[in-house]
Every structure is written in structure tokens, then in C-alpha cells.
Amino acid sequence: MNEHEGPNPVNLVATVRAVLPSLTPAAQAVARLILDDPAMVAGSTITEFSAASGTSEATIVRTARALGFAGYSQLRFALAAAVARAKPERLVPGDLGPDDPLTDVIAKVTRAESEALADTAAQLSPERLAAVVEAIASARRIDAYGVGASGLVAVDMAQKLMRIGLPGHSFTDAHLALTSAALVRAGDVAVGVSCTGETPDVLGPMRLASAAGAVTVAITNNPRSSLAELADHVLVSAGRETAFRPGALASRISQLLIVDCIFVGVAQRTFDTSDSALRATRAALNGYLEDARRRTKTG
């Protein structure tokens, strides 16, 4: 990325949200104000922004540079472009409250999920995705590690790969993940799923797999995390944390989007074998369900 241009204005707010955890406390105060009211920041001088954020002008400049800009002026211009492109509702705060009626809950959750998907798509590099697809399509074995909400994503990934005849395995238990990672070798792929990118139960097996020569892939919200640093390929998910939706839960749908994109890419890359495997697995499941229905009727 060219430091004078900074991130693409289309996904600037998503980029700020992604790097937020890795910033210093003072820089986080600046970044949070950018997220809360990008239009205000775009229209403020550095002196006005300093007063509004309660931070020094030097901190604002450092934060702008941490985000990939040469200085505050470039950040302002990029924010102005992002605000101009954004849909009006994306600039209105919409956190869920304890007294919100269910009609508001439906609208706000739907909007949050839609924004997470849009932000993830804006950050998802076709080149990085292609590299991951190529590695998985030719892998001897694919491990996916994750715990909690991210563990569900790891399980989903392994299940999808299995349906198209690829050796996908998911591990949500640290001991089993470490056991499997100790046995991988060059030509294998290890995928770590973690919202923060700092989950010890994911970092441990990923380090082992990397040391063994496996291709490592990180799916994380934080591109500056420990997980991202040790991975060969980093795919960044998005999700805004709220009072009722911790970061890992808010990110799950965007992590699943990344997994779906990987799956479709791999299925395209291995179309003949994938199509045959999908037909075979579908037939096996349909046959089982038909037998179950017959037994139910005769029983």
C-alpha cells in the first residue's frame, strides 16, 4: 500500500475497525471517534479533532500514519471520500439497547450483519484468496483450528471441504489441535480462525504447523495480530462489537463468508472431482433419509 494514498476510501472505516485492537490506548480514542462519526472527522481541522477526541495533535498524526496515511490531511480526504460513497444509514449509530422493541432488533441486527459482509468483501483481496484456494486445492491435508464462535467456522470449513472430496479436518480442542499440527508436513494447509488473532488455542497449533512447513492461513479481524504475523496468507474479516454481540459473534458471519468464498474457489479449481464428490455425497445422504422415512412409515 502506498503510504501517501492510504487505504482504499471504500473500505477505510472497515480498515480502521480491523486495526483498532493493535493501536495504543491514545490512538484507539482517535480511531473510535473516526468510527463513531467519520463525517465529523472529515470536516474537522486537526485542532478541532484534537479537542473533540481529547488527544494531542501529535497523537492524531501518529494514528493517521498507523492507518497507512502520510498525515492527517490525507486521512481527512480519504474519510470525506468514504462518507460521500457511504449509504446514509451506515453513518447513523445503531447499537442495540436493552429496551429496543423486536422490530428494532431485527432491523439493527440485519444492518450490522449486512455491513459486516460488505466490509469483509471490500477488504477481501482476490489475489490473496486465489493463493489460499490454490494451496488448499493441491493440499494433502487441511487442518482448521478455532475455538468458541470461531470453532464453528472451522467446523463449517472442514465439512464443506469434505463434501467435495478434500481431506478437511477441524479441531476445536487445543490438545487435539496440537496433536494434529504436530503431524502435518510440507504440502499441508493449516487454517487458524480467530477474531482477535490472539487466541492461544489457535496460535499454538498454527506455530507447530508453520514450523513443520505447512502453508498457514489466518482468518481474523486483526491484520496486525500474532496470528496474522505468523501466517503465510491473511484474510481479514469484519464485525462491529456491541453490548449484545461480542466481537467473535459479530465476526462469525463475515468469517463464514470468507470460508464460502474459499470453498467455491476450490470447487471451481477442482470442478471435475468436486462435482463428482458432491453428487456422491448428496446421493448417500438422500439414500439415508429415504431409508429413514421408510422405516418410520413401516414402524
C-alpha atoms as a PDB file:
ATOM      1  CA  MET A   1       0.000   0.000   0.000  1.00  0.00           C
ATOM      2  CA  ASN A   2       1.294   3.421  -0.923  1.00  0.00           C
ATOM      3  CA  GLU A   3       1.634   5.387   2.333  1.00  0.00           C
ATOM      4  CA  HIS A   4       0.705   8.630   0.638  1.00  0.00           C
ATOM      5  CA  GLU A   5      -2.561   7.246  -0.625  1.00  0.00           C
ATOM      6  CA  GLY A   6      -3.530   5.118   2.382  1.00  0.00           C
ATOM      7  CA  PRO A   7      -6.287   2.513   2.372  1.00  0.00           C
ATOM      8  CA  ASN A   8      -8.954   2.499  -0.299  1.00  0.00           C
ATOM      9  CA  PRO A   9     -11.681   5.012   0.704  1.00  0.00           C
ATOM     10  CA  VAL A  10     -14.346   2.417   0.007  1.00  0.00           C
ATOM     11  CA  ASN A  11     -13.193   0.227   2.897  1.00  0.00           C
ATOM     12  CA  LEU A  12     -11.434   2.811   5.070  1.00  0.00           C
ATOM     13  CA  VAL A  13     -13.831   2.509   8.019  1.00  0.00           C
ATOM     14  CA  ALA A  14     -13.528  -1.282   7.880  1.00  0.00           C
ATOM     15  CA  THR A  15      -9.733  -0.940   7.883  1.00  0.00           C
ATOM     16  CA  VAL A  16      -9.833   1.319  10.946  1.00  0.00           C
ATOM     17  CA  ARG A  17     -12.048  -1.183  12.751  1.00  0.00           C
ATOM     18  CA  ALA A  18      -9.731  -4.046  11.851  1.00  0.00           C
ATOM     19  CA  VAL A  19      -6.555  -2.437  13.206  1.00  0.00           C
ATOM     20  CA  LEU A  20      -8.227  -0.912  16.278  1.00  0.00           C
ATOM     21  CA  PRO A  21      -7.148  -3.646  18.736  1.00  0.00           C
ATOM     22  CA  SER A  22      -3.482  -3.243  17.795  1.00  0.00           C
ATOM     23  CA  LEU A  23      -3.374   0.541  18.412  1.00  0.00           C
ATOM     24  CA  THR A  24      -2.186   2.267  21.568  1.00  0.00           C
ATOM     25  CA  PRO A  25      -4.897   3.474  24.002  1.00  0.00           C
ATOM     26  CA  ALA A  26      -4.492   7.081  22.822  1.00  0.00           C
ATOM     27  CA  ALA A  27      -4.652   6.062  19.163  1.00  0.00           C
ATOM     28  CA  GLN A  28      -7.700   3.911  19.912  1.00  0.00           C
ATOM     29  CA  ALA A  29      -9.508   7.010  21.201  1.00  0.00           C
ATOM     30  CA  VAL A  30      -8.803   8.714  17.859  1.00  0.00           C
ATOM     31  CA  ALA A  31      -9.842   5.640  15.867  1.00  0.00           C
ATOM     32  CA  ARG A  32     -13.079   5.176  17.812  1.00  0.00           C
ATOM     33  CA  LEU A  33     -14.123   8.730  17.013  1.00  0.00           C
ATOM     34  CA  ILE A  34     -13.393   8.056  13.339  1.00  0.00           C
ATOM     35  CA  LEU A  35     -15.659   5.013  13.527  1.00  0.00           C
ATOM     36  CA  ASP A  36     -18.394   6.770  15.506  1.00  0.00           C
ATOM     37  CA  ASP A  37     -18.598   9.880  13.333  1.00  0.00           C
ATOM     38  CA  PRO A  38     -16.471   9.765  10.163  1.00  0.00           C
ATOM     39  CA  ALA A  39     -18.346  12.734   8.686  1.00  0.00           C
ATOM     40  CA  MET A  40     -17.427  14.932  11.637  1.00  0.00           C
ATOM     41  CA  VAL A  41     -13.760  13.944  11.412  1.00  0.00           C
ATOM     42  CA  ALA A  42     -13.705  14.556   7.662  1.00  0.00           C
ATOM     43  CA  GLY A  43     -14.931  18.100   8.260  1.00  0.00           C
ATOM     44  CA  SER A  44     -12.640  18.938  11.187  1.00  0.00           C
ATOM     45  CA  THR A  45      -9.252  20.575  11.271  1.00  0.00           C
ATOM     46  CA  ILE A  46      -6.604  18.781  13.276  1.00  0.00           C
ATOM     47  CA  THR A  47      -7.088  21.315  16.085  1.00  0.00           C
ATOM     48  CA  GLU A  48     -10.846  20.710  16.153  1.00  0.00           C
ATOM     49  CA  PHE A  49     -10.347  16.948  16.065  1.00  0.00           C
ATOM     50  CA  SER A  50      -7.820  17.182  18.886  1.00  0.00           C
ATOM     51  CA  ALA A  51     -10.366  18.962  21.065  1.00  0.00           C
ATOM     52  CA  ALA A  52     -13.159  16.543  20.161  1.00  0.00           C
ATOM     53  CA  SER A  53     -11.078  13.425  20.829  1.00  0.00           C
ATOM     54  CA  GLY A  54      -9.253  14.706  23.890  1.00  0.00           C
ATOM     55  CA  THR A  55      -5.906  13.749  22.370  1.00  0.00           C
ATOM     56  CA  SER A  56      -2.913  15.720  21.158  1.00  0.00           C
ATOM     57  CA  GLU A  57      -2.339  16.698  17.547  1.00  0.00           C
ATOM     58  CA  ALA A  58       0.809  14.568  17.567  1.00  0.00           C
ATOM     59  CA  THR A  59      -1.274  11.519  18.568  1.00  0.00           C
ATOM     60  CA  ILE A  60      -3.671  12.184  15.697  1.00  0.00           C
ATOM     61  CA  VAL A  61      -0.805  12.356  13.207  1.00  0.00           C
ATOM     62  CA  ARG A  62       0.701   9.136  14.587  1.00  0.00           C
ATOM     63  CA  THR A  63      -2.685   7.429  14.314  1.00  0.00           C
ATOM     64  CA  ALA A  64      -3.079   8.584  10.710  1.00  0.00           C
ATOM     65  CA  ARG A  65       0.347   7.117   9.912  1.00  0.00           C
ATOM     66  CA  ALA A  66      -0.535   3.883  11.718  1.00  0.00           C
ATOM     67  CA  LEU A  67      -3.534   3.648   9.397  1.00  0.00           C
ATOM     68  CA  GLY A  68      -1.293   3.989   6.364  1.00  0.00           C
ATOM     69  CA  PHE A  69      -1.504   7.721   5.626  1.00  0.00           C
ATOM     70  CA  ALA A  70       1.274  10.272   5.354  1.00  0.00           C
ATOM     71  CA  GLY A  71      -0.573  12.591   7.745  1.00  0.00           C
ATOM     72  CA  TYR A  72      -3.918  13.887   8.957  1.00  0.00           C
ATOM     73  CA  SER A  73      -4.760  15.779   5.775  1.00  0.00           C
ATOM     74  CA  GLN A  74      -4.623  12.577   3.717  1.00  0.00           C
ATOM     75  CA  LEU A  75      -6.775  10.806   6.301  1.00  0.00           C
ATOM     76  CA  ARG A  76      -9.368  13.604   6.122  1.00  0.00           C
ATOM     77  CA  PHE A  77      -9.544  13.441   2.346  1.00  0.00           C
ATOM     78  CA  ALA A  78      -9.977   9.666   2.411  1.00  0.00           C
ATOM     79  CA  LEU A  79     -12.697   9.927   5.053  1.00  0.00           C
ATOM     80  CA  ALA A  80     -14.512  12.566   3.011  1.00  0.00           C
ATOM     81  CA  ALA A  81     -14.482  10.189   0.033  1.00  0.00           C
ATOM     82  CA  ALA A  82     -15.703   7.306   2.199  1.00  0.00           C
ATOM     83  CA  VAL A  83     -18.533   9.428   3.632  1.00  0.00           C
ATOM     84  CA  ALA A  84     -19.585  10.522   0.147  1.00  0.00           C
ATOM     85  CA  ARG A  85     -19.780   6.897  -1.005  1.00  0.00           C
ATOM     86  CA  ALA A  86     -21.467   5.504   2.114  1.00  0.00           C
ATOM     87  CA  LYS A  87     -25.180   4.896   2.346  1.00  0.00           C
ATOM     88  CA  PRO A  88     -26.778   7.355   4.771  1.00  0.00           C
ATOM     89  CA  GLU A  89     -27.852   4.664   7.249  1.00  0.00           C
ATOM     90  CA  ARG A  90     -24.259   3.498   7.677  1.00  0.00           C
ATOM     91  CA  LEU A  91     -23.403   6.851   9.245  1.00  0.00           C
ATOM     92  CA  VAL A  92     -26.125   6.643  11.900  1.00  0.00           C
ATOM     93  CA  PRO A  93     -25.322   4.944  15.227  1.00  0.00           C
ATOM     94  CA  GLY A  94     -27.420   1.811  15.664  1.00  0.00           C
ATOM     95  CA  ASP A  95     -26.316  -0.081  18.771  1.00  0.00           C
ATOM     96  CA  LEU A  96     -28.886  -2.340  20.328  1.00  0.00           C
ATOM     97  CA  GLY A  97     -30.373  -1.128  23.606  1.00  0.00           C
ATOM     98  CA  PRO A  98     -31.889  -3.195  26.430  1.00  0.00           C
ATOM     99  CA  ASP A  99     -35.329  -1.694  25.786  1.00  0.00           C
ATOM    100  CA  ASP A 100     -35.336  -1.895  21.976  1.00  0.00           C
ATOM    101  CA  PRO A 101     -38.516  -3.464  20.565  1.00  0.00           C
ATOM    102  CA  LEU A 102     -38.019  -6.596  18.499  1.00  0.00           C
ATOM    103  CA  THR A 103     -38.795  -4.670  15.313  1.00  0.00           C
ATOM    104  CA  ASP A 104     -35.703  -2.532  16.011  1.00  0.00           C
ATOM    105  CA  VAL A 105     -33.694  -5.612  16.964  1.00  0.00           C
ATOM    106  CA  ILE A 106     -34.472  -7.197  13.586  1.00  0.00           C
ATOM    107  CA  ALA A 107     -33.578  -4.020  11.692  1.00  0.00           C
ATOM    108  CA  LYS A 108     -30.362  -3.313  13.621  1.00  0.00           C
ATOM    109  CA  VAL A 109     -29.048  -6.883  13.582  1.00  0.00           C
ATOM    110  CA  THR A 110     -29.803  -7.147   9.860  1.00  0.00           C
ATOM    111  CA  ARG A 111     -27.975  -3.906   9.190  1.00  0.00           C
ATOM    112  CA  ALA A 112     -24.994  -4.933  11.313  1.00  0.00           C
ATOM    113  CA  GLU A 113     -24.735  -8.278   9.503  1.00  0.00           C
ATOM    114  CA  SER A 114     -25.054  -6.594   6.105  1.00  0.00           C
ATOM    115  CA  GLU A 115     -22.334  -4.078   6.983  1.00  0.00           C
ATOM    116  CA  ALA A 116     -20.036  -6.845   8.226  1.00  0.00           C
ATOM    117  CA  LEU A 117     -20.452  -8.726   4.950  1.00  0.00           C
ATOM    118  CA  ALA A 118     -19.945  -5.583   2.852  1.00  0.00           C
ATOM    119  CA  ASP A 119     -16.856  -4.547   4.837  1.00  0.00           C
ATOM    120  CA  THR A 120     -15.374  -8.035   4.562  1.00  0.00           C
ATOM    121  CA  ALA A 121     -15.986  -8.175   0.822  1.00  0.00           C
ATOM    122  CA  ALA A 122     -14.340  -4.767   0.398  1.00  0.00           C
ATOM    123  CA  GLN A 123     -11.199  -5.984   2.189  1.00  0.00           C
ATOM    124  CA  LEU A 124     -11.031  -9.441   0.600  1.00  0.00           C
ATOM    125  CA  SER A 125      -8.183  -9.411  -1.883  1.00  0.00           C
ATOM    126  CA  PRO A 126      -8.806 -11.653  -4.928  1.00  0.00           C
ATOM    127  CA  GLU A 127      -5.061 -12.263  -5.169  1.00  0.00           C
ATOM    128  CA  ARG A 128      -4.780 -13.448  -1.560  1.00  0.00           C
ATOM    129  CA  LEU A 129      -7.920 -15.536  -1.917  1.00  0.00           C
ATOM    130  CA  ALA A 130      -6.538 -17.133  -5.087  1.00  0.00           C
ATOM    131  CA  ALA A 131      -3.324 -18.084  -3.279  1.00  0.00           C
ATOM    132  CA  VAL A 132      -5.306 -19.756  -0.494  1.00  0.00           C
ATOM    133  CA  VAL A 133      -7.547 -21.560  -2.995  1.00  0.00           C
ATOM    134  CA  GLU A 134      -4.511 -22.870  -4.877  1.00  0.00           C
ATOM    135  CA  ALA A 135      -2.844 -24.115  -1.694  1.00  0.00           C
ATOM    136  CA  ILE A 136      -5.984 -25.905  -0.454  1.00  0.00           C
ATOM    137  CA  ALA A 137      -6.845 -27.399  -3.841  1.00  0.00           C
ATOM    138  CA  SER A 138      -3.450 -29.122  -4.002  1.00  0.00           C
ATOM    139  CA  ALA A 139      -3.066 -29.946  -0.292  1.00  0.00           C
ATOM    140  CA  ARG A 140      -2.506 -33.433   1.076  1.00  0.00           C
ATOM    141  CA  ARG A 141      -4.374 -32.441   4.238  1.00  0.00           C
ATOM    142  CA  ILE A 142      -6.197 -29.338   5.500  1.00  0.00           C
ATOM    143  CA  ASP A 143      -6.494 -28.575   9.219  1.00  0.00           C
ATOM    144  CA  ALA A 144      -8.770 -25.822  10.557  1.00  0.00           C
ATOM    145  CA  TYR A 145      -8.311 -24.617  14.136  1.00  0.00           C
ATOM    146  CA  GLY A 146     -10.728 -22.456  16.116  1.00  0.00           C
ATOM    147  CA  VAL A 147     -12.485 -22.236  19.476  1.00  0.00           C
ATOM    148  CA  GLY A 148     -15.831 -20.812  20.564  1.00  0.00           C
ATOM    149  CA  ALA A 149     -17.667 -18.996  17.772  1.00  0.00           C
ATOM    150  CA  SER A 150     -14.575 -19.281  15.562  1.00  0.00           C
ATOM    151  CA  GLY A 151     -14.588 -23.021  16.190  1.00  0.00           C
ATOM    152  CA  LEU A 152     -17.979 -23.219  14.485  1.00  0.00           C
ATOM    153  CA  VAL A 153     -16.398 -21.590  11.443  1.00  0.00           C
ATOM    154  CA  ALA A 154     -13.529 -24.108  11.463  1.00  0.00           C
ATOM    155  CA  VAL A 155     -16.044 -26.976  11.607  1.00  0.00           C
ATOM    156  CA  ASP A 156     -18.027 -25.448   8.738  1.00  0.00           C
ATOM    157  CA  MET A 157     -14.890 -25.169   6.615  1.00  0.00           C
ATOM    158  CA  ALA A 158     -13.853 -28.799   7.182  1.00  0.00           C
ATOM    159  CA  GLN A 159     -17.382 -30.036   6.448  1.00  0.00           C
ATOM    160  CA  LYS A 160     -17.551 -28.116   3.179  1.00  0.00           C
ATOM    161  CA  LEU A 161     -14.166 -29.414   2.021  1.00  0.00           C
ATOM    162  CA  MET A 162     -15.162 -32.957   2.916  1.00  0.00           C
ATOM    163  CA  ARG A 163     -18.271 -32.660   0.709  1.00  0.00           C
ATOM    164  CA  ILE A 164     -16.062 -32.065  -2.332  1.00  0.00           C
ATOM    165  CA  GLY A 165     -13.686 -34.897  -1.533  1.00  0.00           C
ATOM    166  CA  LEU A 166     -10.866 -32.960   0.122  1.00  0.00           C
ATOM    167  CA  PRO A 167      -9.238 -34.103   3.399  1.00  0.00           C
ATOM    168  CA  GLY A 168     -10.517 -31.320   5.654  1.00  0.00           C
ATOM    169  CA  HIS A 169     -10.325 -31.673   9.444  1.00  0.00           C
ATOM    170  CA  SER A 170     -11.477 -29.273  12.155  1.00  0.00           C
ATOM    171  CA  PHE A 171     -10.192 -29.022  15.706  1.00  0.00           C
ATOM    172  CA  THR A 172     -11.871 -27.030  18.475  1.00  0.00           C
ATOM    173  CA  ASP A 173      -9.964 -28.692  21.303  1.00  0.00           C
ATOM    174  CA  ALA A 174      -6.432 -27.407  21.928  1.00  0.00           C
ATOM    175  CA  HIS A 175      -4.948 -30.812  22.733  1.00  0.00           C
ATOM    176  CA  LEU A 176      -6.337 -32.424  19.591  1.00  0.00           C
ATOM    177  CA  ALA A 177      -5.306 -29.408  17.504  1.00  0.00           C
ATOM    178  CA  LEU A 178      -1.731 -29.631  18.777  1.00  0.00           C
ATOM    179  CA  THR A 179      -1.681 -33.386  18.171  1.00  0.00           C
ATOM    180  CA  SER A 180      -2.762 -32.923  14.568  1.00  0.00           C
ATOM    181  CA  ALA A 181      -0.470 -29.951  13.957  1.00  0.00           C
ATOM    182  CA  ALA A 182       2.498 -31.995  15.156  1.00  0.00           C
ATOM    183  CA  LEU A 183       1.890 -34.418  12.285  1.00  0.00           C
ATOM    184  CA  VAL A 184       1.462 -32.020   9.353  1.00  0.00           C
ATOM    185  CA  ARG A 185       4.202 -31.526   6.793  1.00  0.00           C
ATOM    186  CA  ALA A 186       5.072 -29.518   3.710  1.00  0.00           C
ATOM    187  CA  GLY A 187       2.195 -29.591   1.252  1.00  0.00           C
ATOM    188  CA  ASP A 188      -0.433 -29.481   4.000  1.00  0.00           C
ATOM    189  CA  VAL A 189      -2.505 -26.394   4.861  1.00  0.00           C
ATOM    190  CA  ALA A 190      -3.334 -25.126   8.353  1.00  0.00           C
ATOM    191  CA  VAL A 191      -6.097 -22.556   8.777  1.00  0.00           C
ATOM    192  CA  GLY A 192      -6.403 -20.591  12.017  1.00  0.00           C
ATOM    193  CA  VAL A 193      -9.694 -18.825  12.743  1.00  0.00           C
ATOM    194  CA  SER A 194      -9.657 -16.185  15.478  1.00  0.00           C
ATOM    195  CA  CYS A 195     -11.455 -12.860  15.750  1.00  0.00           C
ATOM    196  CA  THR A 196      -8.690 -11.241  17.804  1.00  0.00           C
ATOM    197  CA  GLY A 197      -5.853 -13.230  16.291  1.00  0.00           C
ATOM    198  CA  GLU A 198      -4.506 -13.764  19.792  1.00  0.00           C
ATOM    199  CA  THR A 199      -6.302 -16.971  20.874  1.00  0.00           C
ATOM    200  CA  PRO A 200      -3.653 -19.253  22.485  1.00  0.00           C
ATOM    201  CA  ASP A 201      -5.534 -22.423  21.492  1.00  0.00           C
ATOM    202  CA  VAL A 202      -5.214 -21.372  17.840  1.00  0.00           C
ATOM    203  CA  LEU A 203      -1.749 -19.833  17.939  1.00  0.00           C
ATOM    204  CA  GLY A 204      -0.167 -22.977  19.423  1.00  0.00           C
ATOM    205  CA  PRO A 205      -1.102 -25.410  16.646  1.00  0.00           C
ATOM    206  CA  MET A 206      -0.566 -22.769  13.972  1.00  0.00           C
ATOM    207  CA  ARG A 207       3.027 -22.251  15.151  1.00  0.00           C
ATOM    208  CA  LEU A 208       3.619 -26.013  15.083  1.00  0.00           C
ATOM    209  CA  ALA A 209       2.150 -26.332  11.605  1.00  0.00           C
ATOM    210  CA  SER A 210       4.208 -23.417  10.335  1.00  0.00           C
ATOM    211  CA  ALA A 211       7.405 -24.892  11.752  1.00  0.00           C
ATOM    212  CA  ALA A 212       6.592 -28.183  10.018  1.00  0.00           C
ATOM    213  CA  GLY A 213       6.404 -26.444   6.633  1.00  0.00           C
ATOM    214  CA  ALA A 214       2.642 -26.326   6.154  1.00  0.00           C
ATOM    215  CA  VAL A 215       1.063 -23.386   4.338  1.00  0.00           C
ATOM    216  CA  THR A 216      -0.624 -21.291   7.033  1.00  0.00           C
ATOM    217  CA  VAL A 217      -3.772 -19.223   6.565  1.00  0.00           C
ATOM    218  CA  ALA A 218      -5.243 -16.744   9.069  1.00  0.00           C
ATOM    219  CA  ILE A 219      -8.894 -15.704   9.108  1.00  0.00           C
ATOM    220  CA  THR A 220      -9.024 -12.846  11.594  1.00  0.00           C
ATOM    221  CA  ASN A 221     -10.394  -9.379  12.279  1.00  0.00           C
ATOM    222  CA  ASN A 222      -6.968  -8.086  13.249  1.00  0.00           C
ATOM    223  CA  PRO A 223      -4.395  -7.930  10.432  1.00  0.00           C
ATOM    224  CA  ARG A 224      -1.709  -6.910  12.928  1.00  0.00           C
ATOM    225  CA  SER A 225      -2.290  -9.782  15.334  1.00  0.00           C
ATOM    226  CA  SER A 226       0.095 -12.574  16.293  1.00  0.00           C
ATOM    227  CA  LEU A 227      -1.908 -14.964  14.123  1.00  0.00           C
ATOM    228  CA  ALA A 228      -1.609 -12.675  11.101  1.00  0.00           C
ATOM    229  CA  GLU A 229       2.127 -12.246  11.641  1.00  0.00           C
ATOM    230  CA  LEU A 230       2.849 -15.995  11.580  1.00  0.00           C
ATOM    231  CA  ALA A 231       0.511 -16.816   8.661  1.00  0.00           C
ATOM    232  CA  ASP A 232       1.577 -17.060   5.030  1.00  0.00           C
ATOM    233  CA  HIS A 233      -1.808 -15.701   3.924  1.00  0.00           C
ATOM    234  CA  VAL A 234      -4.139 -13.384   5.859  1.00  0.00           C
ATOM    235  CA  LEU A 235      -7.845 -12.988   5.056  1.00  0.00           C
ATOM    236  CA  VAL A 236      -9.435 -10.195   7.091  1.00  0.00           C
ATOM    237  CA  SER A 237     -12.989 -10.481   8.386  1.00  0.00           C
ATOM    238  CA  ALA A 238     -15.078  -7.605   9.750  1.00  0.00           C
ATOM    239  CA  GLY A 239     -17.608  -7.282  12.538  1.00  0.00           C
ATOM    240  CA  ARG A 240     -18.504  -4.476  14.910  1.00  0.00           C
ATOM    241  CA  GLU A 241     -18.658  -5.422  18.585  1.00  0.00           C
ATOM    242  CA  THR A 242     -21.717  -4.229  20.553  1.00  0.00           C
ATOM    243  CA  ALA A 243     -23.116  -4.722  24.057  1.00  0.00           C
ATOM    244  CA  PHE A 244     -25.109  -7.788  22.996  1.00  0.00           C
ATOM    245  CA  ARG A 245     -22.749  -9.071  20.332  1.00  0.00           C
ATOM    246  CA  PRO A 246     -19.126  -9.663  21.400  1.00  0.00           C
ATOM    247  CA  GLY A 247     -16.526  -9.358  18.673  1.00  0.00           C
ATOM    248  CA  ALA A 248     -16.304 -13.087  17.973  1.00  0.00           C
ATOM    249  CA  LEU A 249     -20.062 -13.401  17.468  1.00  0.00           C
ATOM    250  CA  ALA A 250     -20.259 -10.246  15.368  1.00  0.00           C
ATOM    251  CA  SER A 251     -17.472 -11.560  13.135  1.00  0.00           C
ATOM    252  CA  ARG A 252     -18.805 -15.074  12.630  1.00  0.00           C
ATOM    253  CA  ILE A 253     -20.949 -14.276   9.599  1.00  0.00           C
ATOM    254  CA  SER A 254     -18.059 -12.494   7.859  1.00  0.00           C
ATOM    255  CA  GLN A 255     -15.720 -15.390   8.649  1.00  0.00           C
ATOM    256  CA  LEU A 256     -18.291 -17.724   7.102  1.00  0.00           C
ATOM    257  CA  LEU A 257     -18.359 -15.506   4.011  1.00  0.00           C
ATOM    258  CA  ILE A 258     -14.597 -15.964   3.651  1.00  0.00           C
ATOM    259  CA  VAL A 259     -14.964 -19.734   4.076  1.00  0.00           C
ATOM    260  CA  ASP A 260     -17.710 -19.807   1.441  1.00  0.00           C
ATOM    261  CA  CYS A 261     -15.509 -17.864  -0.996  1.00  0.00           C
ATOM    262  CA  ILE A 262     -12.639 -20.299  -0.387  1.00  0.00           C
ATOM    263  CA  PHE A 263     -14.973 -23.267  -0.844  1.00  0.00           C
ATOM    264  CA  VAL A 264     -16.437 -22.021  -4.127  1.00  0.00           C
ATOM    265  CA  GLY A 265     -12.974 -21.128  -5.420  1.00  0.00           C
ATOM    266  CA  VAL A 266     -11.641 -24.585  -4.585  1.00  0.00           C
ATOM    267  CA  ALA A 267     -14.707 -26.272  -6.103  1.00  0.00           C
ATOM    268  CA  GLN A 268     -14.138 -24.298  -9.315  1.00  0.00           C
ATOM    269  CA  ARG A 269     -10.442 -25.133  -9.317  1.00  0.00           C
ATOM    270  CA  THR A 270     -11.194 -28.870  -8.911  1.00  0.00           C
ATOM    271  CA  PHE A 271     -14.505 -28.900 -10.760  1.00  0.00           C
ATOM    272  CA  ASP A 272     -14.495 -32.461 -12.123  1.00  0.00           C
ATOM    273  CA  THR A 273     -13.592 -34.139  -8.830  1.00  0.00           C
ATOM    274  CA  SER A 274     -15.676 -31.690  -6.775  1.00  0.00           C
ATOM    275  CA  ASP A 275     -18.764 -32.228  -8.901  1.00  0.00           C
ATOM    276  CA  SER A 276     -18.380 -35.995  -8.676  1.00  0.00           C
ATOM    277  CA  ALA A 277     -17.894 -35.826  -4.899  1.00  0.00           C
ATOM    278  CA  LEU A 278     -20.916 -33.566  -4.412  1.00  0.00           C
ATOM    279  CA  ARG A 279     -23.065 -35.984  -6.410  1.00  0.00           C
ATOM    280  CA  ALA A 280     -21.801 -38.973  -4.433  1.00  0.00           C
ATOM    281  CA  THR A 281     -22.252 -37.361  -1.024  1.00  0.00           C
ATOM    282  CA  ARG A 282     -25.685 -36.000  -1.969  1.00  0.00           C
ATOM    283  CA  ALA A 283     -26.769 -39.463  -3.106  1.00  0.00           C
ATOM    284  CA  ALA A 284     -25.513 -41.035   0.124  1.00  0.00           C
ATOM    285  CA  LEU A 285     -27.408 -38.548   2.274  1.00  0.00           C
ATOM    286  CA  ASN A 286     -30.576 -38.760   0.189  1.00  0.00           C
ATOM    287  CA  GLY A 287     -30.453 -42.565   0.340  1.00  0.00           C
ATOM    288  CA  TYR A 288     -30.072 -42.498   4.106  1.00  0.00           C
ATOM    289  CA  LEU A 289     -33.011 -40.092   4.516  1.00  0.00           C
ATOM    290  CA  GLU A 290     -35.220 -42.183   2.240  1.00  0.00           C
ATOM    291  CA  ASP A 291     -34.436 -45.314   4.252  1.00  0.00           C
ATOM    292  CA  ALA A 292     -35.179 -43.432   7.471  1.00  0.00           C
ATOM    293  CA  ARG A 293     -38.559 -42.272   6.123  1.00  0.00           C
ATOM    294  CA  ARG A 294     -39.473 -45.805   5.040  1.00  0.00           C
ATOM    295  CA  ARG A 295     -38.566 -47.220   8.446  1.00  0.00           C
ATOM    296  CA  THR A 296     -40.653 -44.516  10.136  1.00  0.00           C
ATOM    297  CA  LYS A 297     -43.697 -45.326   7.992  1.00  0.00           C
ATOM    298  CA  THR A 298     -43.433 -49.111   8.444  1.00  0.00           C
ATOM    299  CA  GLY A 299     -42.637 -48.829  12.114  1.00  0.00           C
END
